[in-house]
Amino acid sequence: MDKWLWHARVVKARTSAAALVESGHVRVNGAREKSPGHAIKIGDVLTIALDRTVRVLKVIAFNERRGDAASARVLYEELGEGPPSSQRN
């Protein structure tokens, strides 16, 4: 999961992706996941709590390595944005 988050350019570094997952800020299909190595598959919906926003991304592809922003954009479908993290339960 951390590798996919990094390839999709959700975060700037893979270590940041791992820390985001370990701290409980990522849900896979609604279930909180704390293992950075957790396998994700096409069709999974990731809910990611970032600094002041919540992103909801549907996994639609994988990449062997990290590319530019345009190649990262084809890895997911943006389903929307949730309420700011300060307003979540």
PDB file of N, CA and C in Angstrom:
ATOM      1  N   MET A   1       0.812  -1.190   0.000  1.00  0.00           N
ATOM      2  CA  MET A   1       0.000   0.000   0.000  1.00  0.00           C
ATOM      3  C   MET A   1       0.860   1.260   0.000  1.00  0.00           C
ATOM      4  N   ASP A   2       1.925   1.279   0.826  1.00  0.00           N
ATOM      5  CA  ASP A   2       2.756   2.480   0.873  1.00  0.00           C
ATOM      6  C   ASP A   2       3.390   2.764  -0.487  1.00  0.00           C
ATOM      7  N   LYS A   3       3.765   1.713  -1.194  1.00  0.00           N
ATOM      8  CA  LYS A   3       4.372   1.875  -2.515  1.00  0.00           C
ATOM      9  C   LYS A   3       3.364   2.484  -3.492  1.00  0.00           C
ATOM     10  N   TRP A   4       2.127   2.006  -3.459  1.00  0.00           N
ATOM     11  CA  TRP A   4       1.103   2.542  -4.357  1.00  0.00           C
ATOM     12  C   TRP A   4       0.822   4.012  -4.035  1.00  0.00           C
ATOM     13  N   LEU A   5       0.720   4.347  -2.747  1.00  0.00           N
ATOM     14  CA  LEU A   5       0.478   5.747  -2.354  1.00  0.00           C
ATOM     15  C   LEU A   5       1.588   6.657  -2.870  1.00  0.00           C
ATOM     16  N   TRP A   6       2.815   6.153  -2.821  1.00  0.00           N
ATOM     17  CA  TRP A   6       3.956   6.926  -3.313  1.00  0.00           C
ATOM     18  C   TRP A   6       3.912   7.037  -4.832  1.00  0.00           C
ATOM     19  N   HIS A   7       3.646   5.925  -5.525  1.00  0.00           N
ATOM     20  CA  HIS A   7       3.559   5.949  -6.985  1.00  0.00           C
ATOM     21  C   HIS A   7       2.429   6.862  -7.461  1.00  0.00           C
ATOM     22  N   ALA A   8       1.337   6.901  -6.718  1.00  0.00           N
ATOM     23  CA  ALA A   8       0.192   7.742  -7.089  1.00  0.00           C
ATOM     24  C   ALA A   8       0.402   9.203  -6.687  1.00  0.00           C
ATOM     25  N   ARG A   9       1.562   9.485  -6.087  1.00  0.00           N
ATOM     26  CA  ARG A   9       1.935  10.847  -5.671  1.00  0.00           C
ATOM     27  C   ARG A   9       0.972  11.452  -4.648  1.00  0.00           C
ATOM     28  N   VAL A  10       0.421  10.603  -3.799  1.00  0.00           N
ATOM     29  CA  VAL A  10      -0.400  11.091  -2.685  1.00  0.00           C
ATOM     30  C   VAL A  10       0.514  11.745  -1.656  1.00  0.00           C
ATOM     31  N   VAL A  11       1.722  11.208  -1.533  1.00  0.00           N
ATOM     32  CA  VAL A  11       2.752  11.740  -0.639  1.00  0.00           C
ATOM     33  C   VAL A  11       4.055  11.888  -1.423  1.00  0.00           C
ATOM     34  N   LYS A  12       5.000  12.653  -0.859  1.00  0.00           N
ATOM     35  CA  LYS A  12       6.256  12.923  -1.564  1.00  0.00           C
ATOM     36  C   LYS A  12       7.305  11.830  -1.393  1.00  0.00           C
ATOM     37  N   ALA A  13       7.236  11.068  -0.310  1.00  0.00           N
ATOM     38  CA  ALA A  13       8.248  10.040  -0.058  1.00  0.00           C
ATOM     39  C   ALA A  13       7.573   8.750   0.401  1.00  0.00           C
ATOM     40  N   ARG A  14       8.189   7.629   0.085  1.00  0.00           N
ATOM     41  CA  ARG A  14       7.614   6.344   0.489  1.00  0.00           C
ATOM     42  C   ARG A  14       7.597   6.212   2.004  1.00  0.00           C
ATOM     43  N   THR A  15       8.592   6.761   2.678  1.00  0.00           N
ATOM     44  CA  THR A  15       8.604   6.705   4.145  1.00  0.00           C
ATOM     45  C   THR A  15       7.420   7.485   4.713  1.00  0.00           C
ATOM     46  N   SER A  16       7.044   8.571   4.055  1.00  0.00           N
ATOM     47  CA  SER A  16       5.875   9.343   4.485  1.00  0.00           C
ATOM     48  C   SER A  16       4.600   8.527   4.293  1.00  0.00           C
ATOM     49  N   ALA A  17       4.547   7.755   3.213  1.00  0.00           N
ATOM     50  CA  ALA A  17       3.383   6.899   2.958  1.00  0.00           C
ATOM     51  C   ALA A  17       3.269   5.842   4.046  1.00  0.00           C
ATOM     52  N   ALA A  18       4.405   5.229   4.404  1.00  0.00           N
ATOM     53  CA  ALA A  18       4.402   4.205   5.448  1.00  0.00           C
ATOM     54  C   ALA A  18       3.958   4.796   6.780  1.00  0.00           C
ATOM     55  N   ALA A  19       4.453   5.988   7.109  1.00  0.00           N
ATOM     56  CA  ALA A  19       4.074   6.643   8.361  1.00  0.00           C
ATOM     57  C   ALA A  19       2.593   6.986   8.383  1.00  0.00           C
ATOM     58  N   LEU A  20       2.055   7.411   7.244  1.00  0.00           N
ATOM     59  CA  LEU A  20       0.636   7.751   7.142  1.00  0.00           C
ATOM     60  C   LEU A  20      -0.225   6.524   7.440  1.00  0.00           C
ATOM     61  N   VAL A  21       0.167   5.381   6.882  1.00  0.00           N
ATOM     62  CA  VAL A  21      -0.577   4.142   7.099  1.00  0.00           C
ATOM     63  C   VAL A  21      -0.436   3.681   8.551  1.00  0.00           C
ATOM     64  N   GLU A  22       0.801   3.644   9.050  1.00  0.00           N
ATOM     65  CA  GLU A  22       1.048   3.175  10.418  1.00  0.00           C
ATOM     66  C   GLU A  22       0.311   3.998  11.467  1.00  0.00           C
ATOM     67  N   SER A  23       0.116   5.278  11.192  1.00  0.00           N
ATOM     68  CA  SER A  23      -0.576   6.142  12.156  1.00  0.00           C
ATOM     69  C   SER A  23      -2.097   6.041  12.044  1.00  0.00           C
ATOM     70  N   GLY A  24      -2.584   5.173  11.157  1.00  0.00           N
ATOM     71  CA  GLY A  24      -4.023   4.927  11.079  1.00  0.00           C
ATOM     72  C   GLY A  24      -4.803   5.909  10.244  1.00  0.00           C
ATOM     73  N   HIS A  25      -4.136   6.627   9.339  1.00  0.00           N
ATOM     74  CA  HIS A  25      -4.809   7.643   8.533  1.00  0.00           C
ATOM     75  C   HIS A  25      -5.298   7.140   7.181  1.00  0.00           C
ATOM     76  N   VAL A  26      -5.220   5.808   6.983  1.00  0.00           N
ATOM     77  CA  VAL A  26      -5.670   5.242   5.708  1.00  0.00           C
ATOM     78  C   VAL A  26      -6.668   4.115   5.983  1.00  0.00           C
ATOM     79  N   ARG A  27      -7.775   4.164   5.250  1.00  0.00           N
ATOM     80  CA  ARG A  27      -8.771   3.093   5.323  1.00  0.00           C
ATOM     81  C   ARG A  27      -8.859   2.442   3.955  1.00  0.00           C
ATOM     82  N   VAL A  28      -9.015   1.125   3.957  1.00  0.00           N
ATOM     83  CA  VAL A  28      -9.194   0.370   2.723  1.00  0.00           C
ATOM     84  C   VAL A  28     -10.602  -0.205   2.761  1.00  0.00           C
ATOM     85  N   ASN A  29     -11.415   0.228   1.823  1.00  0.00           N
ATOM     86  CA  ASN A  29     -12.820  -0.198   1.772  1.00  0.00           C
ATOM     87  C   ASN A  29     -13.511  -0.001   3.124  1.00  0.00           C
ATOM     88  N   GLY A  30     -13.197   1.102   3.781  1.00  0.00           N
ATOM     89  CA  GLY A  30     -13.844   1.467   5.040  1.00  0.00           C
ATOM     90  C   GLY A  30     -13.179   0.930   6.288  1.00  0.00           C
ATOM     91  N   ALA A  31     -12.215   0.026   6.156  1.00  0.00           N
ATOM     92  CA  ALA A  31     -11.551  -0.563   7.329  1.00  0.00           C
ATOM     93  C   ALA A  31     -10.174   0.065   7.516  1.00  0.00           C
ATOM     94  N   ARG A  32      -9.909   0.533   8.720  1.00  0.00           N
ATOM     95  CA  ARG A  32      -8.612   1.149   9.018  1.00  0.00           C
ATOM     96  C   ARG A  32      -7.505   0.120   8.855  1.00  0.00           C
ATOM     97  N   GLU A  33      -6.446   0.517   8.179  1.00  0.00           N
ATOM     98  CA  GLU A  33      -5.321  -0.382   7.933  1.00  0.00           C
ATOM     99  C   GLU A  33      -4.045   0.261   8.462  1.00  0.00           C
ATOM    100  N   LYS A  34      -3.277  -0.493   9.246  1.00  0.00           N
ATOM    101  CA  LYS A  34      -2.057   0.061   9.837  1.00  0.00           C
ATOM    102  C   LYS A  34      -0.786  -0.629   9.353  1.00  0.00           C
ATOM    103  N   SER A  35      -0.913  -1.487   8.354  1.00  0.00           N
ATOM    104  CA  SER A  35       0.255  -2.191   7.814  1.00  0.00           C
ATOM    105  C   SER A  35       0.625  -1.595   6.454  1.00  0.00           C
ATOM    106  N   PRO A  36       1.781  -0.912   6.360  1.00  0.00           N
ATOM    107  CA  PRO A  36       2.176  -0.303   5.089  1.00  0.00           C
ATOM    108  C   PRO A  36       2.303  -1.314   3.954  1.00  0.00           C
ATOM    109  N   GLY A  37       2.607  -2.564   4.276  1.00  0.00           N
ATOM    110  CA  GLY A  37       2.763  -3.589   3.261  1.00  0.00           C
ATOM    111  C   GLY A  37       1.472  -4.279   2.867  1.00  0.00           C
ATOM    112  N   HIS A  38       0.345  -3.806   3.401  1.00  0.00           N
ATOM    113  CA  HIS A  38      -0.953  -4.410   3.090  1.00  0.00           C
ATOM    114  C   HIS A  38      -1.196  -4.388   1.578  1.00  0.00           C
ATOM    115  N   ALA A  39      -1.579  -5.525   1.015  1.00  0.00           N
ATOM    116  CA  ALA A  39      -1.833  -5.609  -0.427  1.00  0.00           C
ATOM    117  C   ALA A  39      -3.166  -4.948  -0.764  1.00  0.00           C
ATOM    118  N   ILE A  40      -3.142  -4.145  -1.795  1.00  0.00           N
ATOM    119  CA  ILE A  40      -4.374  -3.554  -2.306  1.00  0.00           C
ATOM    120  C   ILE A  40      -4.575  -4.080  -3.720  1.00  0.00           C
ATOM    121  N   LYS A  41      -5.818  -4.002  -4.182  1.00  0.00           N
ATOM    122  CA  LYS A  41      -6.126  -4.518  -5.512  1.00  0.00           C
ATOM    123  C   LYS A  41      -6.977  -3.506  -6.271  1.00  0.00           C
ATOM    124  N   ILE A  42      -7.057  -3.707  -7.553  1.00  0.00           N
ATOM    125  CA  ILE A  42      -7.873  -2.826  -8.390  1.00  0.00           C
ATOM    126  C   ILE A  42      -9.317  -2.890  -7.893  1.00  0.00           C
ATOM    127  N   GLY A  43      -9.923  -1.727  -7.738  1.00  0.00           N
ATOM    128  CA  GLY A  43     -11.292  -1.637  -7.241  1.00  0.00           C
ATOM    129  C   GLY A  43     -11.370  -1.244  -5.783  1.00  0.00           C
ATOM    130  N   ASP A  44     -10.260  -1.386  -5.043  1.00  0.00           N
ATOM    131  CA  ASP A  44     -10.258  -0.967  -3.638  1.00  0.00           C
ATOM    132  C   ASP A  44     -10.454   0.539  -3.544  1.00  0.00           C
ATOM    133  N   VAL A  45     -11.143   0.965  -2.501  1.00  0.00           N
ATOM    134  CA  VAL A  45     -11.351   2.389  -2.248  1.00  0.00           C
ATOM    135  C   VAL A  45     -10.537   2.770  -1.016  1.00  0.00           C
ATOM    136  N   LEU A  46      -9.616   3.719  -1.204  1.00  0.00           N
ATOM    137  CA  LEU A  46      -8.769   4.184  -0.113  1.00  0.00           C
ATOM    138  C   LEU A  46      -9.266   5.535   0.367  1.00  0.00           C
ATOM    139  N   THR A  47      -9.458   5.658   1.652  1.00  0.00           N
ATOM    140  CA  THR A  47      -9.816   6.931   2.267  1.00  0.00           C
ATOM    141  C   THR A  47      -8.584   7.387   3.033  1.00  0.00           C
ATOM    142  N   ILE A  48      -8.034   8.520   2.636  1.00  0.00           N
ATOM    143  CA  ILE A  48      -6.755   8.975   3.163  1.00  0.00           C
ATOM    144  C   ILE A  48      -6.940  10.327   3.845  1.00  0.00           C
ATOM    145  N   ALA A  49      -6.629  10.358   5.147  1.00  0.00           N
ATOM    146  CA  ALA A  49      -6.710  11.608   5.907  1.00  0.00           C
ATOM    147  C   ALA A  49      -5.362  12.304   5.818  1.00  0.00           C
ATOM    148  N   LEU A  50      -5.338  13.410   5.085  1.00  0.00           N
ATOM    149  CA  LEU A  50      -4.124  14.205   4.973  1.00  0.00           C
ATOM    150  C   LEU A  50      -4.229  15.397   5.910  1.00  0.00           C
ATOM    151  N   ASP A  51      -3.306  16.330   5.821  1.00  0.00           N
ATOM    152  CA  ASP A  51      -3.257  17.444   6.771  1.00  0.00           C
ATOM    153  C   ASP A  51      -4.608  18.089   7.064  1.00  0.00           C
ATOM    154  N   ARG A  52      -5.220  18.670   6.071  1.00  0.00           N
ATOM    155  CA  ARG A  52      -6.485  19.364   6.300  1.00  0.00           C
ATOM    156  C   ARG A  52      -7.621  18.822   5.433  1.00  0.00           C
ATOM    157  N   THR A  53      -7.372  17.727   4.733  1.00  0.00           N
ATOM    158  CA  THR A  53      -8.395  17.176   3.849  1.00  0.00           C
ATOM    159  C   THR A  53      -8.457  15.654   3.968  1.00  0.00           C
ATOM    160  N   VAL A  54      -9.495  15.120   3.398  1.00  0.00           N
ATOM    161  CA  VAL A  54      -9.646  13.677   3.295  1.00  0.00           C
ATOM    162  C   VAL A  54      -9.857  13.375   1.820  1.00  0.00           C
ATOM    163  N   ARG A  55      -9.005  12.508   1.255  1.00  0.00           N
ATOM    164  CA  ARG A  55      -9.146  12.121  -0.152  1.00  0.00           C
ATOM    165  C   ARG A  55      -9.708  10.710  -0.220  1.00  0.00           C
ATOM    166  N   VAL A  56     -10.608  10.492  -1.172  1.00  0.00           N
ATOM    167  CA  VAL A  56     -11.189   9.176  -1.392  1.00  0.00           C
ATOM    168  C   VAL A  56     -10.807   8.773  -2.813  1.00  0.00           C
ATOM    169  N   LEU A  57      -9.971   7.725  -2.908  1.00  0.00           N
ATOM    170  CA  LEU A  57      -9.432   7.305  -4.197  1.00  0.00           C
ATOM    171  C   LEU A  57      -9.786   5.852  -4.481  1.00  0.00           C
ATOM    172  N   LYS A  58     -10.217   5.576  -5.696  1.00  0.00           N
ATOM    173  CA  LYS A  58     -10.470   4.205  -6.130  1.00  0.00           C
ATOM    174  C   LYS A  58      -9.271   3.753  -6.959  1.00  0.00           C
ATOM    175  N   VAL A  59      -8.669   2.640  -6.564  1.00  0.00           N
ATOM    176  CA  VAL A  59      -7.503   2.108  -7.258  1.00  0.00           C
ATOM    177  C   VAL A  59      -7.951   1.548  -8.600  1.00  0.00           C
ATOM    178  N   ILE A  60      -7.352   2.047  -9.701  1.00  0.00           N
ATOM    179  CA  ILE A  60      -7.722   1.541 -11.021  1.00  0.00           C
ATOM    180  C   ILE A  60      -6.530   0.975 -11.786  1.00  0.00           C
ATOM    181  N   ALA A  61      -5.298   1.178 -11.271  1.00  0.00           N
ATOM    182  CA  ALA A  61      -4.121   0.641 -11.957  1.00  0.00           C
ATOM    183  C   ALA A  61      -2.928   0.639 -11.010  1.00  0.00           C
ATOM    184  N   PHE A  62      -1.873  -0.030 -11.474  1.00  0.00           N
ATOM    185  CA  PHE A  62      -0.609  -0.073 -10.736  1.00  0.00           C
ATOM    186  C   PHE A  62       0.514   0.326 -11.688  1.00  0.00           C
ATOM    187  N   ASN A  63       1.628   0.761 -11.136  1.00  0.00           N
ATOM    188  CA  ASN A  63       2.808   1.131 -11.906  1.00  0.00           C
ATOM    189  C   ASN A  63       4.010   0.427 -11.330  1.00  0.00           C
ATOM    190  N   GLU A  64       4.971   0.090 -12.152  1.00  0.00           N
ATOM    191  CA  GLU A  64       6.194  -0.551 -11.669  1.00  0.00           C
ATOM    192  C   GLU A  64       7.100   0.443 -10.942  1.00  0.00           C
ATOM    193  N   ARG A  65       7.045   1.707 -11.370  1.00  0.00           N
ATOM    194  CA  ARG A  65       7.861   2.721 -10.708  1.00  0.00           C
ATOM    195  C   ARG A  65       7.137   4.055 -10.715  1.00  0.00           C
ATOM    196  N   ARG A  66       7.664   4.976  -9.939  1.00  0.00           N
ATOM    197  CA  ARG A  66       7.034   6.286  -9.799  1.00  0.00           C
ATOM    198  C   ARG A  66       7.325   7.130 -11.031  1.00  0.00           C
ATOM    199  N   GLY A  67       6.282   7.701 -11.585  1.00  0.00           N
ATOM    200  CA  GLY A  67       6.446   8.547 -12.765  1.00  0.00           C
ATOM    201  C   GLY A  67       6.049   9.976 -12.472  1.00  0.00           C
ATOM    202  N   ASP A  68       5.794  10.724 -13.525  1.00  0.00           N
ATOM    203  CA  ASP A  68       5.384  12.118 -13.361  1.00  0.00           C
ATOM    204  C   ASP A  68       3.914  12.189 -12.925  1.00  0.00           C
ATOM    205  N   ALA A  69       3.445  13.397 -12.717  1.00  0.00           N
ATOM    206  CA  ALA A  69       2.080  13.587 -12.212  1.00  0.00           C
ATOM    207  C   ALA A  69       1.031  12.997 -13.162  1.00  0.00           C
ATOM    208  N   ALA A  70       1.264  13.124 -14.463  1.00  0.00           N
ATOM    209  CA  ALA A  70       0.294  12.607 -15.431  1.00  0.00           C
ATOM    210  C   ALA A  70       0.194  11.088 -15.349  1.00  0.00           C
ATOM    211  N   SER A  71       1.313  10.398 -15.212  1.00  0.00           N
ATOM    212  CA  SER A  71       1.260   8.937 -15.122  1.00  0.00           C
ATOM    213  C   SER A  71       0.708   8.492 -13.770  1.00  0.00           C
ATOM    214  N   ALA A  72       0.888   9.299 -12.743  1.00  0.00           N
ATOM    215  CA  ALA A  72       0.328   8.977 -11.426  1.00  0.00           C
ATOM    216  C   ALA A  72      -1.191   9.104 -11.445  1.00  0.00           C
ATOM    217  N   ARG A  73      -1.700  10.047 -12.192  1.00  0.00           N
ATOM    218  CA  ARG A  73      -3.140  10.334 -12.222  1.00  0.00           C
ATOM    219  C   ARG A  73      -3.957   9.168 -12.796  1.00  0.00           C
ATOM    220  N   VAL A  74      -3.344   8.333 -13.626  1.00  0.00           N
ATOM    221  CA  VAL A  74      -4.083   7.212 -14.219  1.00  0.00           C
ATOM    222  C   VAL A  74      -4.177   6.007 -13.278  1.00  0.00           C
ATOM    223  N   LEU A  75      -3.554   6.103 -12.100  1.00  0.00           N
ATOM    224  CA  LEU A  75      -3.583   4.997 -11.157  1.00  0.00           C
ATOM    225  C   LEU A  75      -4.858   4.973 -10.312  1.00  0.00           C
ATOM    226  N   TYR A  76      -5.582   6.079 -10.290  1.00  0.00           N
ATOM    227  CA  TYR A  76      -6.762   6.159  -9.421  1.00  0.00           C
ATOM    228  C   TYR A  76      -7.841   7.039 -10.006  1.00  0.00           C
ATOM    229  N   GLU A  77      -9.029   6.856  -9.457  1.00  0.00           N
ATOM    230  CA  GLU A  77     -10.168   7.718  -9.753  1.00  0.00           C
ATOM    231  C   GLU A  77     -10.495   8.448  -8.456  1.00  0.00           C
ATOM    232  N   GLU A  78     -10.549   9.754  -8.536  1.00  0.00           N
ATOM    233  CA  GLU A  78     -10.859  10.569  -7.357  1.00  0.00           C
ATOM    234  C   GLU A  78     -12.369  10.502  -7.146  1.00  0.00           C
ATOM    235  N   LEU A  79     -12.792   9.926  -6.018  1.00  0.00           N
ATOM    236  CA  LEU A  79     -14.229   9.770  -5.752  1.00  0.00           C
ATOM    237  C   LEU A  79     -14.806  10.951  -4.995  1.00  0.00           C
ATOM    238  N   GLY A  80     -13.951  11.762  -4.446  1.00  0.00           N
ATOM    239  CA  GLY A  80     -14.438  12.932  -3.727  1.00  0.00           C
ATOM    240  C   GLY A  80     -13.561  13.253  -2.561  1.00  0.00           C
ATOM    241  N   GLU A  81     -13.991  14.221  -1.822  1.00  0.00           N
ATOM    242  CA  GLU A  81     -13.249  14.669  -0.658  1.00  0.00           C
ATOM    243  C   GLU A  81     -14.202  14.673   0.522  1.00  0.00           C
ATOM    244  N   GLY A  82     -13.751  14.138   1.615  1.00  0.00           N
ATOM    245  CA  GLY A  82     -14.569  14.110   2.829  1.00  0.00           C
ATOM    246  C   GLY A  82     -14.440  15.414   3.588  1.00  0.00           C
ATOM    247  N   PRO A  83     -15.029  15.492   4.754  1.00  0.00           N
ATOM    248  CA  PRO A  83     -14.905  16.692   5.581  1.00  0.00           C
ATOM    249  C   PRO A  83     -13.489  16.819   6.100  1.00  0.00           C
ATOM    250  N   PRO A  84     -13.069  18.030   6.470  1.00  0.00           N
ATOM    251  CA  PRO A  84     -11.740  18.214   7.065  1.00  0.00           C
ATOM    252  C   PRO A  84     -11.543  17.274   8.250  1.00  0.00           C
ATOM    253  N   SER A  85     -10.316  16.859   8.476  1.00  0.00           N
ATOM    254  CA  SER A  85     -10.032  15.873   9.528  1.00  0.00           C
ATOM    255  C   SER A  85     -10.477  16.359  10.904  1.00  0.00           C
ATOM    256  N   SER A  86     -10.545  17.664  11.107  1.00  0.00           N
ATOM    257  CA  SER A  86     -10.972  18.176  12.407  1.00  0.00           C
ATOM    258  C   SER A  86     -12.468  17.958  12.647  1.00  0.00           C
ATOM    259  N   GLN A  87     -13.221  17.644  11.581  1.00  0.00           N
ATOM    260  CA  GLN A  87     -14.661  17.444  11.718  1.00  0.00           C
ATOM    261  C   GLN A  87     -15.074  15.984  11.648  1.00  0.00           C
ATOM    262  N   ARG A  88     -14.067  15.068  11.516  1.00  0.00           N
ATOM    263  CA  ARG A  88     -14.388  13.654  11.449  1.00  0.00           C
ATOM    264  C   ARG A  88     -14.513  13.067  12.845  1.00  0.00           C
ATOM    265  N   ASN A  89     -15.168  11.894  12.927  1.00  0.00           N
ATOM    266  CA  ASN A  89     -15.322  11.195  14.200  1.00  0.00           C
ATOM    267  C   ASN A  89     -14.108  10.386  14.518  1.00  0.00           C
TER     268      ASN A  89
END
